[in-house]
């Protein structure tokens, strides 16, 4: 995700990553029901990046609260998505796989559309589109 950037501050344009590239971050068929919620996996297959914030998650057009989302890192440690900030960024190395676990929203069988919104250093805001089927 560290594509060339002109800085992003003071109205300078940030690089744009097309949705078809961002879709590659989602691990196909990883959307799954889990306890009283659901989970999905993201694998960085683009470039090393630093996530400065999780800005939101939508499930079938409905926004879910960040407080219900945990980020499970490759080493198994987890942290609330709401805690990721410029002061406490999340490193997203090339090849790393993270899981997002969302509590309190059960998934019904069928196709679901999601949008994971993050802020990435040197890139800016990104909306990662996800479409997958459960059971």
C-alpha atoms as a PDB file:
ATOM      1  CA  UNK A   1       0.000   0.000   0.000  1.00  0.00           C
ATOM      2  CA  UNK A   2       3.021   2.246   0.083  1.00  0.00           C
ATOM      3  CA  UNK A   3       2.489   3.444  -3.444  1.00  0.00           C
ATOM      4  CA  UNK A   4       4.226   6.642  -4.427  1.00  0.00           C
ATOM      5  CA  UNK A   5       2.739   9.586  -2.658  1.00  0.00           C
ATOM      6  CA  UNK A   6       3.125  13.282  -2.700  1.00  0.00           C
ATOM      7  CA  UNK A   7       2.532  13.569   1.026  1.00  0.00           C
ATOM      8  CA  UNK A   8      -1.212  14.104   1.275  1.00  0.00           C
ATOM      9  CA  UNK A   9      -1.023  17.107   3.576  1.00  0.00           C
ATOM     10  CA  UNK A  10      -2.257  20.584   2.764  1.00  0.00           C
ATOM     11  CA  UNK A  11      -4.464  19.588  -0.154  1.00  0.00           C
ATOM     12  CA  UNK A  12      -1.823  17.584  -2.022  1.00  0.00           C
ATOM     13  CA  UNK A  13      -3.325  14.677  -3.958  1.00  0.00           C
ATOM     14  CA  UNK A  14      -2.879  11.169  -2.595  1.00  0.00           C
ATOM     15  CA  UNK A  15      -2.422   8.199  -4.922  1.00  0.00           C
ATOM     16  CA  UNK A  16      -5.548   6.352  -5.948  1.00  0.00           C
ATOM     17  CA  UNK A  17      -5.741   2.575  -5.762  1.00  0.00           C
ATOM     18  CA  UNK A  18      -8.522   1.176  -7.962  1.00  0.00           C
ATOM     19  CA  UNK A  19     -11.199  -1.050  -6.367  1.00  0.00           C
ATOM     20  CA  UNK A  20     -10.181  -4.080  -8.436  1.00  0.00           C
ATOM     21  CA  UNK A  21      -6.744  -3.927  -6.768  1.00  0.00           C
ATOM     22  CA  UNK A  22      -8.219  -3.352  -3.287  1.00  0.00           C
ATOM     23  CA  UNK A  23     -10.474  -6.415  -3.708  1.00  0.00           C
ATOM     24  CA  UNK A  24      -7.305  -8.504  -3.786  1.00  0.00           C
ATOM     25  CA  UNK A  25      -6.760  -7.692  -0.090  1.00  0.00           C
ATOM     26  CA  UNK A  26      -9.776  -9.815   0.823  1.00  0.00           C
ATOM     27  CA  UNK A  27      -9.088 -13.545   1.255  1.00  0.00           C
ATOM     28  CA  UNK A  28     -11.747 -15.225  -0.899  1.00  0.00           C
ATOM     29  CA  UNK A  29     -14.209 -17.439   0.962  1.00  0.00           C
ATOM     30  CA  UNK A  30     -12.965 -16.258   4.373  1.00  0.00           C
ATOM     31  CA  UNK A  31     -16.294 -14.643   5.337  1.00  0.00           C
ATOM     32  CA  UNK A  32     -17.719 -16.871   8.041  1.00  0.00           C
ATOM     33  CA  UNK A  33     -20.168 -16.991  10.924  1.00  0.00           C
ATOM     34  CA  UNK A  34     -18.369 -17.058  14.269  1.00  0.00           C
ATOM     35  CA  UNK A  35     -20.141 -17.260  17.620  1.00  0.00           C
ATOM     36  CA  UNK A  36     -22.527 -14.306  17.939  1.00  0.00           C
ATOM     37  CA  UNK A  37     -20.938 -12.543  14.975  1.00  0.00           C
ATOM     38  CA  UNK A  38     -18.783 -13.074  11.935  1.00  0.00           C
ATOM     39  CA  UNK A  39     -15.215 -12.806  10.708  1.00  0.00           C
ATOM     40  CA  UNK A  40     -13.245 -12.221   7.529  1.00  0.00           C
ATOM     41  CA  UNK A  41      -9.587 -12.194   6.556  1.00  0.00           C
ATOM     42  CA  UNK A  42      -7.485  -9.586   4.773  1.00  0.00           C
ATOM     43  CA  UNK A  43      -4.096 -10.467   3.280  1.00  0.00           C
ATOM     44  CA  UNK A  44      -1.699  -7.796   2.125  1.00  0.00           C
ATOM     45  CA  UNK A  45      -0.735  -8.777  -1.411  1.00  0.00           C
ATOM     46  CA  UNK A  46      -0.100  -5.205  -2.630  1.00  0.00           C
ATOM     47  CA  UNK A  47       2.747  -3.516  -0.726  1.00  0.00           C
ATOM     48  CA  UNK A  48       3.805  -2.903   2.894  1.00  0.00           C
ATOM     49  CA  UNK A  49       1.534  -0.412   4.600  1.00  0.00           C
ATOM     50  CA  UNK A  50       0.726   1.254   7.884  1.00  0.00           C
ATOM     51  CA  UNK A  51      -2.930   1.507   8.880  1.00  0.00           C
ATOM     52  CA  UNK A  52      -3.506   4.749  10.786  1.00  0.00           C
ATOM     53  CA  UNK A  53      -7.212   4.181  11.498  1.00  0.00           C
ATOM     54  CA  UNK A  54     -10.184   1.975  10.836  1.00  0.00           C
ATOM     55  CA  UNK A  55     -12.869   4.354   9.602  1.00  0.00           C
ATOM     56  CA  UNK A  56     -15.763   1.928   9.384  1.00  0.00           C
ATOM     57  CA  UNK A  57     -17.272  -1.339   8.281  1.00  0.00           C
ATOM     58  CA  UNK A  58     -20.474  -1.795   6.332  1.00  0.00           C
ATOM     59  CA  UNK A  59     -22.417  -5.025   6.026  1.00  0.00           C
ATOM     60  CA  UNK A  60     -25.031  -5.041   3.258  1.00  0.00           C
ATOM     61  CA  UNK A  61     -25.189  -1.231   3.404  1.00  0.00           C
ATOM     62  CA  UNK A  62     -25.549  -0.973   7.210  1.00  0.00           C
ATOM     63  CA  UNK A  63     -22.733   0.616   9.240  1.00  0.00           C
ATOM     64  CA  UNK A  64     -21.383  -1.377  12.177  1.00  0.00           C
ATOM     65  CA  UNK A  65     -19.816   0.245  15.232  1.00  0.00           C
ATOM     66  CA  UNK A  66     -16.030   0.089  15.384  1.00  0.00           C
ATOM     67  CA  UNK A  67     -16.264  -0.889  19.055  1.00  0.00           C
ATOM     68  CA  UNK A  68     -17.620  -4.312  17.968  1.00  0.00           C
ATOM     69  CA  UNK A  69     -14.638  -5.036  15.702  1.00  0.00           C
ATOM     70  CA  UNK A  70     -11.404  -6.732  16.792  1.00  0.00           C
ATOM     71  CA  UNK A  71      -8.319  -6.996  14.615  1.00  0.00           C
ATOM     72  CA  UNK A  72      -6.491 -10.307  15.055  1.00  0.00           C
ATOM     73  CA  UNK A  73      -2.863  -9.954  14.007  1.00  0.00           C
ATOM     74  CA  UNK A  74      -0.737 -12.708  12.425  1.00  0.00           C
ATOM     75  CA  UNK A  75       0.819 -13.552  15.819  1.00  0.00           C
ATOM     76  CA  UNK A  76      -2.657 -14.127  17.317  1.00  0.00           C
ATOM     77  CA  UNK A  77      -2.815 -10.951  19.412  1.00  0.00           C
ATOM     78  CA  UNK A  78      -5.947  -8.879  19.006  1.00  0.00           C
ATOM     79  CA  UNK A  79      -6.873  -5.261  19.522  1.00  0.00           C
ATOM     80  CA  UNK A  80     -10.026  -3.213  19.124  1.00  0.00           C
ATOM     81  CA  UNK A  81     -10.218  -1.624  15.664  1.00  0.00           C
ATOM     82  CA  UNK A  82     -11.176   1.650  17.355  1.00  0.00           C
ATOM     83  CA  UNK A  83      -7.756   1.724  19.083  1.00  0.00           C
ATOM     84  CA  UNK A  84      -5.805   1.924  15.813  1.00  0.00           C
ATOM     85  CA  UNK A  85      -4.672   5.534  15.418  1.00  0.00           C
ATOM     86  CA  UNK A  86      -1.749   7.609  14.135  1.00  0.00           C
ATOM     87  CA  UNK A  87      -0.343   7.326  17.678  1.00  0.00           C
ATOM     88  CA  UNK A  88      -0.882   3.522  17.680  1.00  0.00           C
ATOM     89  CA  UNK A  89      -0.755   2.470  14.017  1.00  0.00           C
ATOM     90  CA  UNK A  90      -1.096  -1.086  12.756  1.00  0.00           C
ATOM     91  CA  UNK A  91       1.732  -2.372  10.575  1.00  0.00           C
ATOM     92  CA  UNK A  92       0.414  -4.324   7.579  1.00  0.00           C
ATOM     93  CA  UNK A  93       3.493  -6.027   6.092  1.00  0.00           C
ATOM     94  CA  UNK A  94       3.435  -7.556   2.636  1.00  0.00           C
ATOM     95  CA  UNK A  95       2.155 -11.130   2.907  1.00  0.00           C
ATOM     96  CA  UNK A  96       0.584 -10.642   6.360  1.00  0.00           C
ATOM     97  CA  UNK A  97      -2.964 -11.907   7.004  1.00  0.00           C
ATOM     98  CA  UNK A  98      -5.224 -10.219   9.541  1.00  0.00           C
ATOM     99  CA  UNK A  99      -8.662 -11.334  10.684  1.00  0.00           C
ATOM    100  CA  UNK A 100     -11.463  -8.947  11.505  1.00  0.00           C
ATOM    101  CA  UNK A 101     -13.890 -10.367  14.071  1.00  0.00           C
ATOM    102  CA  UNK A 102     -17.215  -8.616  14.474  1.00  0.00           C
ATOM    103  CA  UNK A 103     -19.417  -9.316  17.518  1.00  0.00           C
ATOM    104  CA  UNK A 104     -23.162  -8.953  17.796  1.00  0.00           C
ATOM    105  CA  UNK A 105     -24.178  -9.330  14.134  1.00  0.00           C
ATOM    106  CA  UNK A 106     -25.043 -12.811  12.947  1.00  0.00           C
ATOM    107  CA  UNK A 107     -24.675 -13.634   9.270  1.00  0.00           C
ATOM    108  CA  UNK A 108     -27.462 -15.400   7.465  1.00  0.00           C
ATOM    109  CA  UNK A 109     -26.725 -17.809   4.632  1.00  0.00           C
ATOM    110  CA  UNK A 110     -26.374 -16.090   1.272  1.00  0.00           C
ATOM    111  CA  UNK A 111     -24.340 -13.409  -0.439  1.00  0.00           C
ATOM    112  CA  UNK A 112     -23.137 -10.412   1.538  1.00  0.00           C
ATOM    113  CA  UNK A 113     -21.486  -7.149   0.500  1.00  0.00           C
ATOM    114  CA  UNK A 114     -19.085  -5.448   2.853  1.00  0.00           C
ATOM    115  CA  UNK A 115     -16.903  -2.384   2.786  1.00  0.00           C
ATOM    116  CA  UNK A 116     -13.907  -2.088   5.101  1.00  0.00           C
ATOM    117  CA  UNK A 117     -12.757   1.540   5.382  1.00  0.00           C
ATOM    118  CA  UNK A 118      -9.257   2.342   6.588  1.00  0.00           C
ATOM    119  CA  UNK A 119      -6.794   5.230   6.560  1.00  0.00           C
ATOM    120  CA  UNK A 120      -3.337   4.235   5.303  1.00  0.00           C
ATOM    121  CA  UNK A 121      -0.155   6.246   5.735  1.00  0.00           C
ATOM    122  CA  UNK A 122       1.051   7.847   2.485  1.00  0.00           C
ATOM    123  CA  UNK A 123      -2.108   6.667   0.697  1.00  0.00           C
ATOM    124  CA  UNK A 124      -5.065   8.159   2.598  1.00  0.00           C
ATOM    125  CA  UNK A 125      -8.548   6.706   2.944  1.00  0.00           C
ATOM    126  CA  UNK A 126      -9.243   3.337   1.324  1.00  0.00           C
ATOM    127  CA  UNK A 127     -12.522   1.475   0.957  1.00  0.00           C
ATOM    128  CA  UNK A 128     -11.937  -2.242   0.522  1.00  0.00           C
ATOM    129  CA  UNK A 129     -14.927  -3.844  -1.218  1.00  0.00           C
ATOM    130  CA  UNK A 130     -15.855  -7.399  -0.264  1.00  0.00           C
ATOM    131  CA  UNK A 131     -18.516  -9.657  -1.756  1.00  0.00           C
ATOM    132  CA  UNK A 132     -18.775 -13.241  -0.558  1.00  0.00           C
ATOM    133  CA  UNK A 133     -21.206 -15.977   0.274  1.00  0.00           C
ATOM    134  CA  UNK A 134     -21.865 -17.728   3.570  1.00  0.00           C
ATOM    135  CA  UNK A 135     -23.197 -21.291   3.858  1.00  0.00           C
END
